[in-house]
N, C-alpha and C. Protein backbone atom coordinates (compact mmCIF):
# COMPACT_ATOMS: atom_id res chain seq x y z
N MET A 1 10.30 22.98 4.76
CA MET A 1 10.10 21.85 3.88
C MET A 1 10.09 22.37 2.44
N ASN A 2 10.94 21.79 1.60
CA ASN A 2 11.00 22.25 0.22
C ASN A 2 10.01 21.48 -0.66
N LEU A 3 9.96 21.85 -1.92
CA LEU A 3 9.00 21.23 -2.82
C LEU A 3 9.25 19.75 -3.03
N PHE A 4 10.52 19.34 -3.03
CA PHE A 4 10.83 17.91 -3.19
C PHE A 4 10.20 17.11 -2.06
N SER A 5 10.34 17.59 -0.86
CA SER A 5 9.79 16.89 0.30
C SER A 5 8.27 16.84 0.25
N ILE A 6 7.65 17.94 -0.12
CA ILE A 6 6.19 17.98 -0.22
C ILE A 6 5.71 17.00 -1.29
N GLY A 7 6.40 17.01 -2.42
CA GLY A 7 6.04 16.08 -3.50
C GLY A 7 6.20 14.63 -3.09
N LEU A 8 7.27 14.34 -2.38
CA LEU A 8 7.51 12.98 -1.92
C LEU A 8 6.43 12.52 -0.95
N VAL A 9 6.07 13.40 -0.04
CA VAL A 9 5.02 13.06 0.93
C VAL A 9 3.69 12.84 0.23
N LEU A 10 3.34 13.73 -0.68
CA LEU A 10 2.07 13.58 -1.40
C LEU A 10 2.04 12.31 -2.23
N ASP A 11 3.16 12.00 -2.88
CA ASP A 11 3.26 10.78 -3.67
C ASP A 11 3.07 9.55 -2.79
N THR A 12 3.71 9.55 -1.65
CA THR A 12 3.60 8.42 -0.73
C THR A 12 2.17 8.27 -0.21
N VAL A 13 1.55 9.37 0.15
CA VAL A 13 0.17 9.31 0.64
C VAL A 13 -0.75 8.76 -0.46
N GLY A 14 -0.52 9.18 -1.69
CA GLY A 14 -1.32 8.67 -2.80
C GLY A 14 -1.16 7.17 -3.00
N LYS A 15 0.07 6.70 -2.93
CA LYS A 15 0.31 5.26 -3.09
C LYS A 15 -0.32 4.47 -1.95
N VAL A 16 -0.25 5.01 -0.75
CA VAL A 16 -0.86 4.33 0.39
C VAL A 16 -2.38 4.29 0.23
N CYS A 17 -2.97 5.37 -0.27
CA CYS A 17 -4.42 5.38 -0.51
C CYS A 17 -4.82 4.31 -1.52
N ILE A 18 -4.04 4.15 -2.56
CA ILE A 18 -4.32 3.12 -3.55
C ILE A 18 -4.21 1.74 -2.91
N GLY A 19 -3.17 1.55 -2.11
CA GLY A 19 -3.02 0.28 -1.42
C GLY A 19 -4.18 -0.02 -0.49
N LEU A 20 -4.65 0.98 0.23
CA LEU A 20 -5.78 0.79 1.13
C LEU A 20 -7.06 0.47 0.36
N ALA A 21 -7.20 1.06 -0.83
CA ALA A 21 -8.36 0.75 -1.66
C ALA A 21 -8.33 -0.71 -2.08
N VAL A 22 -7.15 -1.21 -2.43
CA VAL A 22 -7.02 -2.62 -2.79
C VAL A 22 -7.39 -3.49 -1.60
N PHE A 23 -6.93 -3.11 -0.40
CA PHE A 23 -7.29 -3.85 0.80
C PHE A 23 -8.80 -3.96 0.96
N THR A 24 -9.49 -2.84 0.84
CA THR A 24 -10.93 -2.85 1.09
C THR A 24 -11.68 -3.68 0.04
N VAL A 25 -11.25 -3.60 -1.21
CA VAL A 25 -11.91 -4.39 -2.25
C VAL A 25 -11.71 -5.87 -1.99
N HIS A 26 -10.48 -6.26 -1.70
CA HIS A 26 -10.22 -7.67 -1.45
C HIS A 26 -10.96 -8.16 -0.21
N ARG A 27 -11.02 -7.34 0.78
CA ARG A 27 -11.73 -7.73 2.01
C ARG A 27 -13.22 -7.95 1.73
N HIS A 28 -13.78 -7.05 0.94
CA HIS A 28 -15.21 -7.16 0.61
C HIS A 28 -15.49 -8.43 -0.19
N ILE A 29 -14.66 -8.69 -1.18
CA ILE A 29 -14.86 -9.88 -2.01
C ILE A 29 -14.65 -11.14 -1.18
N SER A 30 -13.69 -11.11 -0.27
CA SER A 30 -13.45 -12.28 0.58
C SER A 30 -14.65 -12.57 1.48
N LYS A 31 -15.32 -11.53 1.94
CA LYS A 31 -16.49 -11.73 2.81
C LYS A 31 -17.69 -12.23 2.02
N GLU A 32 -17.78 -11.87 0.74
CA GLU A 32 -18.91 -12.29 -0.08
C GLU A 32 -18.95 -13.81 -0.25
N ARG A 33 -17.79 -14.43 -0.41
CA ARG A 33 -17.67 -15.89 -0.59
C ARG A 33 -18.39 -16.41 -1.82
N ARG A 34 -18.52 -15.59 -2.84
CA ARG A 34 -19.14 -16.04 -4.08
C ARG A 34 -18.09 -16.42 -5.12
N ILE A 35 -16.85 -16.35 -4.73
CA ILE A 35 -15.76 -16.69 -5.62
C ILE A 35 -15.18 -18.01 -5.13
N ASP A 36 -14.66 -18.82 -6.03
CA ASP A 36 -14.17 -20.13 -5.62
C ASP A 36 -12.95 -20.03 -4.70
N THR A 37 -12.60 -21.15 -4.10
CA THR A 37 -11.54 -21.20 -3.08
C THR A 37 -10.18 -20.80 -3.63
N ASP A 38 -9.88 -21.18 -4.85
CA ASP A 38 -8.58 -20.83 -5.43
C ASP A 38 -8.42 -19.32 -5.55
N VAL A 39 -9.47 -18.64 -5.94
CA VAL A 39 -9.41 -17.18 -6.06
C VAL A 39 -9.23 -16.55 -4.68
N LEU A 40 -9.90 -17.09 -3.69
CA LEU A 40 -9.77 -16.55 -2.34
C LEU A 40 -8.36 -16.73 -1.80
N ARG A 41 -7.74 -17.87 -2.07
CA ARG A 41 -6.36 -18.09 -1.64
C ARG A 41 -5.42 -17.09 -2.31
N THR A 42 -5.61 -16.90 -3.59
CA THR A 42 -4.77 -15.94 -4.31
C THR A 42 -4.96 -14.53 -3.78
N MET A 43 -6.19 -14.17 -3.45
CA MET A 43 -6.45 -12.84 -2.93
C MET A 43 -5.82 -12.65 -1.56
N ARG A 44 -5.77 -13.69 -0.75
CA ARG A 44 -5.10 -13.58 0.55
C ARG A 44 -3.61 -13.34 0.36
N LYS A 45 -3.00 -14.01 -0.61
CA LYS A 45 -1.59 -13.79 -0.91
C LYS A 45 -1.37 -12.36 -1.40
N GLU A 46 -2.25 -11.87 -2.25
CA GLU A 46 -2.15 -10.49 -2.73
C GLU A 46 -2.27 -9.51 -1.58
N TRP A 47 -3.13 -9.82 -0.63
CA TRP A 47 -3.31 -8.95 0.53
C TRP A 47 -2.01 -8.81 1.29
N LEU A 48 -1.31 -9.93 1.50
CA LEU A 48 -0.04 -9.89 2.21
C LEU A 48 1.01 -9.10 1.42
N LEU A 49 1.04 -9.31 0.12
CA LEU A 49 1.99 -8.57 -0.71
C LEU A 49 1.68 -7.07 -0.73
N THR A 50 0.41 -6.73 -0.76
CA THR A 50 0.02 -5.32 -0.74
C THR A 50 0.42 -4.68 0.58
N PHE A 51 0.21 -5.39 1.68
CA PHE A 51 0.59 -4.87 2.99
C PHE A 51 2.10 -4.65 3.06
N ALA A 52 2.86 -5.61 2.57
CA ALA A 52 4.32 -5.46 2.55
C ALA A 52 4.73 -4.28 1.67
N GLY A 53 4.05 -4.12 0.56
CA GLY A 53 4.35 -2.98 -0.33
C GLY A 53 4.10 -1.65 0.34
N ILE A 54 3.01 -1.54 1.06
CA ILE A 54 2.71 -0.29 1.76
C ILE A 54 3.78 0.01 2.80
N LEU A 55 4.19 -1.02 3.53
CA LEU A 55 5.26 -0.81 4.52
C LEU A 55 6.56 -0.37 3.86
N LEU A 56 6.89 -0.96 2.73
CA LEU A 56 8.11 -0.57 2.02
C LEU A 56 8.03 0.85 1.47
N ILE A 57 6.87 1.25 0.97
CA ILE A 57 6.70 2.62 0.47
C ILE A 57 6.92 3.62 1.61
N ILE A 58 6.32 3.34 2.76
CA ILE A 58 6.46 4.24 3.90
C ILE A 58 7.91 4.27 4.38
N ALA A 59 8.55 3.10 4.47
CA ALA A 59 9.94 3.06 4.91
C ALA A 59 10.85 3.80 3.93
N GLY A 60 10.63 3.61 2.65
CA GLY A 60 11.45 4.30 1.65
C GLY A 60 11.29 5.81 1.71
N ALA A 61 10.08 6.27 1.87
CA ALA A 61 9.84 7.71 1.95
C ALA A 61 10.48 8.29 3.22
N THR A 62 10.38 7.54 4.31
CA THR A 62 10.99 8.00 5.55
C THR A 62 12.50 8.12 5.41
N LEU A 63 13.10 7.12 4.81
CA LEU A 63 14.56 7.17 4.60
C LEU A 63 14.96 8.32 3.69
N GLN A 64 14.22 8.53 2.62
CA GLN A 64 14.55 9.62 1.71
C GLN A 64 14.45 10.97 2.41
N LEU A 65 13.41 11.15 3.20
CA LEU A 65 13.26 12.41 3.92
C LEU A 65 14.39 12.59 4.94
N PHE A 66 14.75 11.52 5.63
CA PHE A 66 15.79 11.58 6.65
C PHE A 66 17.15 11.91 6.02
N PHE A 67 17.50 11.21 4.94
CA PHE A 67 18.82 11.41 4.35
C PHE A 67 18.92 12.68 3.50
N GLN A 68 17.79 13.18 3.04
CA GLN A 68 17.83 14.43 2.28
C GLN A 68 18.18 15.60 3.20
N ARG A 69 17.72 15.54 4.44
CA ARG A 69 17.99 16.61 5.39
C ARG A 69 19.44 16.60 5.86
N ALA A 70 20.08 15.44 5.81
CA ALA A 70 21.47 15.33 6.32
C ALA A 70 22.46 15.98 5.38
């Protein structure tokens, strides 16, 4: 594994960690229920977008690693 691959993997892991942190914060605030309904709806939409983003980051990194080796 060369330095490019190591850097790509570390970058991806970092982005996923940030995404997971967003998940946990939104989940905590959603459970508190001290925020109005409109904010909770928006946070649920953000949760879905964050999940999709994490999947895309992982898919992109996988493709880059696969095609770099070819």
